[in-house]
N, C-alpha and C. Protein backbone atom coordinates (compact mmCIF):
# COMPACT_ATOMS: atom_id res chain seq x y z
N MET A 1 0.83 -1.18 0.00
CA MET A 1 0.00 0.00 0.00
C MET A 1 0.88 1.24 0.00
N ASN A 2 0.59 2.19 -0.88
CA ASN A 2 1.34 3.44 -0.96
C ASN A 2 0.65 4.51 -0.15
N ASP A 3 1.38 5.10 0.78
CA ASP A 3 0.85 6.19 1.58
C ASP A 3 1.08 7.51 0.85
N GLU A 4 0.06 8.34 0.77
CA GLU A 4 0.22 9.66 0.18
C GLU A 4 0.87 10.57 1.21
N LYS A 5 1.91 11.29 0.81
CA LYS A 5 2.62 12.17 1.71
C LYS A 5 2.62 13.59 1.15
N ILE A 6 2.53 14.56 2.05
CA ILE A 6 2.63 15.97 1.68
C ILE A 6 3.61 16.65 2.61
N GLN A 7 4.12 17.81 2.19
CA GLN A 7 5.03 18.57 3.04
C GLN A 7 4.26 19.70 3.69
N VAL A 8 4.49 19.90 4.98
CA VAL A 8 3.90 21.02 5.71
C VAL A 8 5.03 21.80 6.36
N ARG A 9 4.78 23.09 6.59
CA ARG A 9 5.79 23.95 7.21
C ARG A 9 5.35 24.32 8.62
N VAL A 10 6.27 24.19 9.56
CA VAL A 10 6.04 24.64 10.94
C VAL A 10 6.36 26.13 10.95
N THR A 11 5.36 26.96 11.23
CA THR A 11 5.54 28.41 11.07
C THR A 11 6.54 29.00 12.07
N SER A 12 6.63 28.47 13.28
CA SER A 12 7.54 29.04 14.28
C SER A 12 9.00 28.83 13.92
N SER A 13 9.33 27.66 13.34
CA SER A 13 10.73 27.36 13.04
C SER A 13 11.04 27.37 11.54
N GLY A 14 10.01 27.32 10.70
CA GLY A 14 10.24 27.27 9.26
C GLY A 14 10.63 25.89 8.75
N GLN A 15 10.64 24.90 9.62
CA GLN A 15 11.03 23.54 9.26
C GLN A 15 9.96 22.89 8.38
N LEU A 16 10.39 22.14 7.37
CA LEU A 16 9.47 21.38 6.52
C LEU A 16 9.38 19.95 7.02
N LEU A 17 8.16 19.45 7.19
CA LEU A 17 7.93 18.08 7.61
C LEU A 17 7.17 17.34 6.52
N GLU A 18 7.51 16.10 6.31
CA GLU A 18 6.76 15.25 5.40
C GLU A 18 5.80 14.42 6.23
N VAL A 19 4.50 14.54 5.97
CA VAL A 19 3.48 13.87 6.77
C VAL A 19 2.64 12.97 5.88
N VAL A 20 2.02 11.98 6.50
CA VAL A 20 1.16 11.02 5.79
C VAL A 20 -0.28 11.52 5.86
N VAL A 21 -0.98 11.48 4.72
CA VAL A 21 -2.37 11.92 4.65
C VAL A 21 -3.28 10.74 4.96
N LEU A 22 -4.16 10.91 5.96
CA LEU A 22 -5.14 9.87 6.30
C LEU A 22 -6.42 10.04 5.52
N ASN A 23 -6.94 11.27 5.50
CA ASN A 23 -8.23 11.55 4.89
C ASN A 23 -8.15 12.91 4.23
N LYS A 24 -8.72 13.01 3.03
CA LYS A 24 -8.65 14.26 2.29
C LYS A 24 -10.02 14.62 1.76
N ARG A 25 -10.51 15.80 2.17
CA ARG A 25 -11.77 16.35 1.68
C ARG A 25 -11.55 17.82 1.39
N MET A 26 -12.56 18.46 0.78
CA MET A 26 -12.43 19.88 0.44
C MET A 26 -12.31 20.75 1.70
N ASP A 27 -13.01 20.42 2.76
CA ASP A 27 -13.04 21.26 3.95
C ASP A 27 -12.08 20.81 5.04
N ASN A 28 -11.32 19.72 4.82
CA ASN A 28 -10.49 19.18 5.88
C ASN A 28 -9.47 18.19 5.30
N ILE A 29 -8.23 18.28 5.75
CA ILE A 29 -7.21 17.27 5.44
C ILE A 29 -6.71 16.74 6.78
N GLN A 30 -6.80 15.44 6.98
CA GLN A 30 -6.34 14.84 8.23
C GLN A 30 -4.99 14.17 7.95
N VAL A 31 -3.97 14.57 8.73
CA VAL A 31 -2.61 14.06 8.54
C VAL A 31 -2.10 13.44 9.83
N VAL A 32 -1.04 12.63 9.69
CA VAL A 32 -0.37 12.00 10.85
C VAL A 32 1.06 12.47 10.88
N LEU A 33 1.47 13.01 12.03
CA LEU A 33 2.85 13.44 12.25
C LEU A 33 3.55 12.35 13.04
N GLY A 34 4.72 11.94 12.61
CA GLY A 34 5.49 10.93 13.32
C GLY A 34 5.09 9.52 12.91
N GLU A 35 5.72 8.55 13.56
CA GLU A 35 5.48 7.14 13.24
C GLU A 35 5.37 6.34 14.53
N GLY A 36 4.74 5.19 14.42
CA GLY A 36 4.65 4.28 15.55
C GLY A 36 3.73 4.77 16.64
N VAL A 37 4.07 4.45 17.89
CA VAL A 37 3.22 4.79 19.02
C VAL A 37 3.27 6.28 19.36
N HIS A 38 4.25 7.00 18.84
CA HIS A 38 4.40 8.42 19.16
C HIS A 38 3.86 9.31 18.05
N ASN A 39 2.87 8.85 17.31
CA ASN A 39 2.31 9.67 16.24
C ASN A 39 1.24 10.61 16.78
N VAL A 40 0.99 11.68 16.03
CA VAL A 40 0.00 12.69 16.40
C VAL A 40 -0.85 12.98 15.17
N ARG A 41 -2.16 12.99 15.35
CA ARG A 41 -3.06 13.34 14.26
C ARG A 41 -3.35 14.83 14.29
N CYS A 42 -3.52 15.41 13.11
CA CYS A 42 -3.77 16.84 13.01
C CYS A 42 -4.76 17.08 11.87
N ASP A 43 -5.73 17.96 12.12
CA ASP A 43 -6.69 18.36 11.09
C ASP A 43 -6.26 19.69 10.50
N LEU A 44 -6.11 19.74 9.19
CA LEU A 44 -5.78 20.97 8.50
C LEU A 44 -7.04 21.50 7.83
N VAL A 45 -7.37 22.75 8.07
CA VAL A 45 -8.56 23.38 7.49
C VAL A 45 -8.12 24.53 6.59
N PRO A 46 -8.92 24.88 5.58
CA PRO A 46 -8.52 25.96 4.66
C PRO A 46 -8.52 27.32 5.36
N THR A 47 -7.63 28.20 4.88
CA THR A 47 -7.60 29.57 5.38
C THR A 47 -8.78 30.34 4.82
N ARG A 48 -8.95 31.57 5.28
CA ARG A 48 -10.09 32.38 4.84
C ARG A 48 -10.09 32.62 3.34
N ASN A 49 -8.91 32.86 2.77
CA ASN A 49 -8.85 33.11 1.33
C ASN A 49 -8.69 31.83 0.52
N GLY A 50 -8.55 30.68 1.17
CA GLY A 50 -8.50 29.39 0.48
C GLY A 50 -7.18 29.07 -0.18
N SER A 51 -6.12 29.82 0.13
CA SER A 51 -4.84 29.59 -0.54
C SER A 51 -3.98 28.52 0.14
N ALA A 52 -4.31 28.14 1.39
CA ALA A 52 -3.51 27.15 2.12
C ALA A 52 -4.39 26.45 3.14
N TYR A 53 -3.84 25.41 3.72
CA TYR A 53 -4.49 24.69 4.82
C TYR A 53 -3.64 24.87 6.07
N VAL A 54 -4.27 25.12 7.21
CA VAL A 54 -3.54 25.32 8.47
C VAL A 54 -4.14 24.46 9.56
N GLY A 55 -3.32 24.15 10.56
CA GLY A 55 -3.78 23.38 11.70
C GLY A 55 -2.79 23.50 12.85
N ASN A 56 -3.17 22.96 14.00
CA ASN A 56 -2.31 22.97 15.19
C ASN A 56 -2.06 21.55 15.64
N ALA A 57 -0.80 21.29 16.01
CA ALA A 57 -0.43 20.00 16.57
C ALA A 57 0.55 20.25 17.71
N MET A 58 0.17 19.86 18.91
CA MET A 58 1.01 20.02 20.10
C MET A 58 1.47 21.46 20.28
N GLY A 59 0.57 22.42 20.05
CA GLY A 59 0.88 23.82 20.25
C GLY A 59 1.66 24.48 19.15
N ARG A 60 1.90 23.79 18.06
CA ARG A 60 2.64 24.35 16.93
C ARG A 60 1.68 24.53 15.75
N GLU A 61 1.86 25.62 15.02
CA GLU A 61 1.01 25.88 13.85
C GLU A 61 1.68 25.28 12.61
N LEU A 62 0.88 24.56 11.81
CA LEU A 62 1.36 23.94 10.58
C LEU A 62 0.63 24.57 9.39
N VAL A 63 1.36 24.82 8.31
CA VAL A 63 0.75 25.36 7.09
C VAL A 63 1.08 24.43 5.94
């Protein structure tokens, strides 16, 4: 099985992370950060102007 992966940017540090996409819809993208038992799920929602998706994971903003 091939996992779809996308890159997200952590706004505080500017670091790029490659994350696995669990579910993808127009109003929500659900991604998984990390692997194994220490993974974290995050919901990305569209911005007001619709140019990007943003979300929060463990107090960090992802774009």
